[in-house]
């Protein structure tokens, strides 16, 4: 397995989900992030995952 982690592995090993830096800049991008998290059901699939939108 090969991991490509341009922002590090801390979020991965700590079960944290948050938008990438370019999506943190405005509400339009945050809305896309929130919709994707909801649509994919990440909170239900991984109950220990911490989801934040900063």
PDB file of N, CA and C in Angstrom:
ATOM      1  N   UNK A   1       0.838  -1.157   0.000  1.00  0.00           N
ATOM      2  CA  UNK A   1       0.000   0.000   0.000  1.00  0.00           C
ATOM      3  C   UNK A   1       0.893   1.233   0.000  1.00  0.00           C
ATOM      4  N   UNK A   2       0.486   2.218  -0.778  1.00  0.00           N
ATOM      5  CA  UNK A   2       1.236   3.467  -0.841  1.00  0.00           C
ATOM      6  C   UNK A   2       0.294   4.606  -0.465  1.00  0.00           C
ATOM      7  N   UNK A   3       0.672   5.369   0.539  1.00  0.00           N
ATOM      8  CA  UNK A   3      -0.116   6.517   0.961  1.00  0.00           C
ATOM      9  C   UNK A   3       0.491   7.790   0.396  1.00  0.00           C
ATOM     10  N   UNK A   4      -0.350   8.613  -0.160  1.00  0.00           N
ATOM     11  CA  UNK A   4       0.070   9.931  -0.608  1.00  0.00           C
ATOM     12  C   UNK A   4      -0.608  10.920   0.320  1.00  0.00           C
ATOM     13  N   UNK A   5       0.158  11.590   1.141  1.00  0.00           N
ATOM     14  CA  UNK A   5      -0.402  12.452   2.175  1.00  0.00           C
ATOM     15  C   UNK A   5       0.254  13.831   2.131  1.00  0.00           C
ATOM     16  N   UNK A   6      -0.183  14.697   1.216  1.00  0.00           N
ATOM     17  CA  UNK A   6       0.450  16.003   1.099  1.00  0.00           C
ATOM     18  C   UNK A   6       0.287  16.876   2.347  1.00  0.00           C
ATOM     19  N   UNK A   7      -0.690  16.558   3.204  1.00  0.00           N
ATOM     20  CA  UNK A   7      -0.892  17.343   4.421  1.00  0.00           C
ATOM     21  C   UNK A   7      -0.549  16.543   5.672  1.00  0.00           C
ATOM     22  N   UNK A   8       0.185  15.444   5.510  1.00  0.00           N
ATOM     23  CA  UNK A   8       0.606  14.634   6.648  1.00  0.00           C
ATOM     24  C   UNK A   8      -0.376  13.524   6.972  1.00  0.00           C
ATOM     25  N   UNK A   9      -0.039  12.720   7.983  1.00  0.00           N
ATOM     26  CA  UNK A   9      -0.879  11.576   8.363  1.00  0.00           C
ATOM     27  C   UNK A   9      -1.561  11.761   9.715  1.00  0.00           C
ATOM     28  N   UNK A  10      -1.360  12.903  10.360  1.00  0.00           N
ATOM     29  CA  UNK A  10      -1.948  13.108  11.688  1.00  0.00           C
ATOM     30  C   UNK A  10      -3.454  12.920  11.692  1.00  0.00           C
ATOM     31  N   UNK A  11      -4.163  13.529  10.749  1.00  0.00           N
ATOM     32  CA  UNK A  11      -5.616  13.384  10.705  1.00  0.00           C
ATOM     33  C   UNK A  11      -6.013  11.929  10.480  1.00  0.00           C
ATOM     34  N   UNK A  12      -5.285  11.237   9.653  1.00  0.00           N
ATOM     35  CA  UNK A  12      -5.587   9.836   9.358  1.00  0.00           C
ATOM     36  C   UNK A  12      -5.466   8.963  10.603  1.00  0.00           C
ATOM     37  N   UNK A  13      -4.370   9.059  11.292  1.00  0.00           N
ATOM     38  CA  UNK A  13      -4.164   8.196  12.460  1.00  0.00           C
ATOM     39  C   UNK A  13      -5.001   8.624  13.659  1.00  0.00           C
ATOM     40  N   UNK A  14      -5.449   9.874  13.680  1.00  0.00           N
ATOM     41  CA  UNK A  14      -6.293  10.360  14.770  1.00  0.00           C
ATOM     42  C   UNK A  14      -7.781  10.341  14.425  1.00  0.00           C
ATOM     43  N   UNK A  15      -8.120   9.726  13.300  1.00  0.00           N
ATOM     44  CA  UNK A  15      -9.513   9.616  12.846  1.00  0.00           C
ATOM     45  C   UNK A  15     -10.211  10.971  12.791  1.00  0.00           C
ATOM     46  N   UNK A  16      -9.553  11.933  12.158  1.00  0.00           N
ATOM     47  CA  UNK A  16     -10.111  13.265  12.011  1.00  0.00           C
ATOM     48  C   UNK A  16     -10.352  13.565  10.540  1.00  0.00           C
ATOM     49  N   UNK A  17     -11.479  14.182  10.275  1.00  0.00           N
ATOM     50  CA  UNK A  17     -11.819  14.590   8.917  1.00  0.00           C
ATOM     51  C   UNK A  17     -12.073  16.086   8.930  1.00  0.00           C
ATOM     52  N   UNK A  18     -11.394  16.803   8.068  1.00  0.00           N
ATOM     53  CA  UNK A  18     -11.620  18.236   7.931  1.00  0.00           C
ATOM     54  C   UNK A  18     -11.269  18.638   6.503  1.00  0.00           C
ATOM     55  N   UNK A  19     -11.768  19.777   6.079  1.00  0.00           N
ATOM     56  CA  UNK A  19     -11.499  20.184   4.694  1.00  0.00           C
ATOM     57  C   UNK A  19     -10.023  20.513   4.484  1.00  0.00           C
ATOM     58  N   UNK A  20      -9.567  20.276   3.266  1.00  0.00           N
ATOM     59  CA  UNK A  20      -8.196  20.635   2.923  1.00  0.00           C
ATOM     60  C   UNK A  20      -8.062  22.161   2.937  1.00  0.00           C
ATOM     61  N   UNK A  21      -6.862  22.685   3.066  1.00  0.00           N
ATOM     62  CA  UNK A  21      -6.688  24.140   3.187  1.00  0.00           C
ATOM     63  C   UNK A  21      -7.383  24.964   2.104  1.00  0.00           C
ATOM     64  N   UNK A  22      -7.377  24.511   0.871  1.00  0.00           N
ATOM     65  CA  UNK A  22      -8.021  25.315  -0.186  1.00  0.00           C
ATOM     66  C   UNK A  22      -9.536  25.368  -0.021  1.00  0.00           C
ATOM     67  N   UNK A  23     -10.136  24.408   0.682  1.00  0.00           N
ATOM     68  CA  UNK A  23     -11.581  24.415   0.910  1.00  0.00           C
ATOM     69  C   UNK A  23     -11.952  25.191   2.177  1.00  0.00           C
ATOM     70  N   UNK A  24     -10.971  25.616   2.957  1.00  0.00           N
ATOM     71  CA  UNK A  24     -11.233  26.338   4.196  1.00  0.00           C
ATOM     72  C   UNK A  24     -11.391  27.842   3.959  1.00  0.00           C
ATOM     73  N   UNK A  25     -11.194  28.285   2.741  1.00  0.00           N
ATOM     74  CA  UNK A  25     -11.107  29.724   2.470  1.00  0.00           C
ATOM     75  C   UNK A  25     -12.451  30.421   2.325  1.00  0.00           C
ATOM     76  N   UNK A  26     -13.489  29.713   1.890  1.00  0.00           N
ATOM     77  CA  UNK A  26     -14.772  30.386   1.720  1.00  0.00           C
ATOM     78  C   UNK A  26     -15.935  29.421   1.952  1.00  0.00           C
ATOM     79  N   UNK A  27     -17.099  30.003   2.161  1.00  0.00           N
ATOM     80  CA  UNK A  27     -18.279  29.205   2.497  1.00  0.00           C
ATOM     81  C   UNK A  27     -18.740  28.311   1.354  1.00  0.00           C
ATOM     82  N   UNK A  28     -18.542  28.728   0.108  1.00  0.00           N
ATOM     83  CA  UNK A  28     -18.957  27.895  -1.025  1.00  0.00           C
ATOM     84  C   UNK A  28     -18.208  26.567  -1.010  1.00  0.00           C
ATOM     85  N   UNK A  29     -16.913  26.615  -0.767  1.00  0.00           N
ATOM     86  CA  UNK A  29     -16.131  25.385  -0.713  1.00  0.00           C
ATOM     87  C   UNK A  29     -16.489  24.558   0.514  1.00  0.00           C
ATOM     88  N   UNK A  30     -16.757  25.209   1.639  1.00  0.00           N
ATOM     89  CA  UNK A  30     -17.156  24.472   2.838  1.00  0.00           C
ATOM     90  C   UNK A  30     -18.493  23.774   2.624  1.00  0.00           C
ATOM     91  N   UNK A  31     -19.391  24.395   1.874  1.00  0.00           N
ATOM     92  CA  UNK A  31     -20.673  23.752   1.566  1.00  0.00           C
ATOM     93  C   UNK A  31     -20.464  22.492   0.738  1.00  0.00           C
ATOM     94  N   UNK A  32     -19.538  22.535  -0.201  1.00  0.00           N
ATOM     95  CA  UNK A  32     -19.220  21.350  -1.016  1.00  0.00           C
ATOM     96  C   UNK A  32     -18.676  20.245  -0.117  1.00  0.00           C
ATOM     97  N   UNK A  33     -17.771  20.592   0.774  1.00  0.00           N
ATOM     98  CA  UNK A  33     -17.198  19.627   1.717  1.00  0.00           C
ATOM     99  C   UNK A  33     -18.289  19.001   2.582  1.00  0.00           C
ATOM    100  N   UNK A  34     -19.148  19.835   3.177  1.00  0.00           N
ATOM    101  CA  UNK A  34     -20.217  19.335   4.045  1.00  0.00           C
ATOM    102  C   UNK A  34     -21.166  18.404   3.294  1.00  0.00           C
ATOM    103  N   UNK A  35     -21.517  18.783   2.077  1.00  0.00           N
ATOM    104  CA  UNK A  35     -22.426  17.953   1.278  1.00  0.00           C
ATOM    105  C   UNK A  35     -21.790  16.608   0.966  1.00  0.00           C
ATOM    106  N   UNK A  36     -20.521  16.609   0.651  1.00  0.00           N
ATOM    107  CA  UNK A  36     -19.824  15.363   0.325  1.00  0.00           C
ATOM    108  C   UNK A  36     -19.728  14.438   1.541  1.00  0.00           C
ATOM    109  N   UNK A  37     -19.407  15.004   2.702  1.00  0.00           N
ATOM    110  CA  UNK A  37     -19.341  14.206   3.929  1.00  0.00           C
ATOM    111  C   UNK A  37     -20.704  13.578   4.208  1.00  0.00           C
ATOM    112  N   UNK A  38     -21.764  14.372   4.064  1.00  0.00           N
ATOM    113  CA  UNK A  38     -23.119  13.877   4.311  1.00  0.00           C
ATOM    114  C   UNK A  38     -23.509  12.798   3.301  1.00  0.00           C
ATOM    115  N   UNK A  39     -23.268  13.080   2.022  1.00  0.00           N
ATOM    116  CA  UNK A  39     -23.658  12.150   0.952  1.00  0.00           C
ATOM    117  C   UNK A  39     -22.953  10.804   1.081  1.00  0.00           C
ATOM    118  N   UNK A  40     -21.707  10.822   1.470  1.00  0.00           N
ATOM    119  CA  UNK A  40     -20.940   9.581   1.572  1.00  0.00           C
ATOM    120  C   UNK A  40     -21.183   8.826   2.872  1.00  0.00           C
ATOM    121  N   UNK A  41     -21.857   9.464   3.842  1.00  0.00           N
ATOM    122  CA  UNK A  41     -22.209   8.790   5.090  1.00  0.00           C
ATOM    123  C   UNK A  41     -21.022   8.393   5.941  1.00  0.00           C
ATOM    124  N   UNK A  42     -20.006   9.234   5.950  1.00  0.00           N
ATOM    125  CA  UNK A  42     -18.784   8.890   6.683  1.00  0.00           C
ATOM    126  C   UNK A  42     -19.028   8.738   8.186  1.00  0.00           C
ATOM    127  N   UNK A  43     -19.854   9.585   8.763  1.00  0.00           N
ATOM    128  CA  UNK A  43     -20.108   9.519  10.214  1.00  0.00           C
ATOM    129  C   UNK A  43     -20.780   8.199  10.591  1.00  0.00           C
ATOM    130  N   UNK A  44     -21.661   7.705   9.736  1.00  0.00           N
ATOM    131  CA  UNK A  44     -22.330   6.437  10.015  1.00  0.00           C
ATOM    132  C   UNK A  44     -21.399   5.249   9.770  1.00  0.00           C
ATOM    133  N   UNK A  45     -20.585   5.369   8.758  1.00  0.00           N
ATOM    134  CA  UNK A  45     -19.689   4.262   8.405  1.00  0.00           C
ATOM    135  C   UNK A  45     -18.551   4.108   9.410  1.00  0.00           C
ATOM    136  N   UNK A  46     -18.022   5.237   9.886  1.00  0.00           N
ATOM    137  CA  UNK A  46     -16.919   5.229  10.852  1.00  0.00           C
ATOM    138  C   UNK A  46     -17.336   6.066  12.070  1.00  0.00           C
ATOM    139  N   UNK A  47     -18.022   5.473  13.035  1.00  0.00           N
ATOM    140  CA  UNK A  47     -18.556   6.236  14.169  1.00  0.00           C
ATOM    141  C   UNK A  47     -17.489   6.910  15.040  1.00  0.00           C
ATOM    142  N   UNK A  48     -16.268   6.455  15.019  1.00  0.00           N
ATOM    143  CA  UNK A  48     -15.214   7.087  15.816  1.00  0.00           C
ATOM    144  C   UNK A  48     -14.558   8.272  15.106  1.00  0.00           C
ATOM    145  N   UNK A  49     -14.937   8.508  13.859  1.00  0.00           N
ATOM    146  CA  UNK A  49     -14.381   9.598  13.066  1.00  0.00           C
ATOM    147  C   UNK A  49     -14.886  10.937  13.605  1.00  0.00           C
ATOM    148  N   UNK A  50     -13.970  11.868  13.790  1.00  0.00           N
ATOM    149  CA  UNK A  50     -14.328  13.223  14.182  1.00  0.00           C
ATOM    150  C   UNK A  50     -14.374  14.083  12.925  1.00  0.00           C
ATOM    151  N   UNK A  51     -15.541  14.626  12.634  1.00  0.00           N
ATOM    152  CA  UNK A  51     -15.713  15.438  11.433  1.00  0.00           C
ATOM    153  C   UNK A  51     -15.859  16.887  11.859  1.00  0.00           C
ATOM    154  N   UNK A  52     -15.014  17.743  11.303  1.00  0.00           N
ATOM    155  CA  UNK A  52     -15.094  19.165  11.637  1.00  0.00           C
ATOM    156  C   UNK A  52     -15.026  19.977  10.353  1.00  0.00           C
ATOM    157  N   UNK A  53     -15.570  21.176  10.428  1.00  0.00           N
ATOM    158  CA  UNK A  53     -15.421  22.079   9.285  1.00  0.00           C
ATOM    159  C   UNK A  53     -14.811  23.402   9.736  1.00  0.00           C
ATOM    160  N   UNK A  54     -14.015  23.288  10.792  1.00  0.00           N
ATOM    161  CA  UNK A  54     -13.204  24.376  11.354  1.00  0.00           C
ATOM    162  C   UNK A  54     -14.075  25.530  11.707  1.00  0.00           C
TER     163      UNK A  54
END
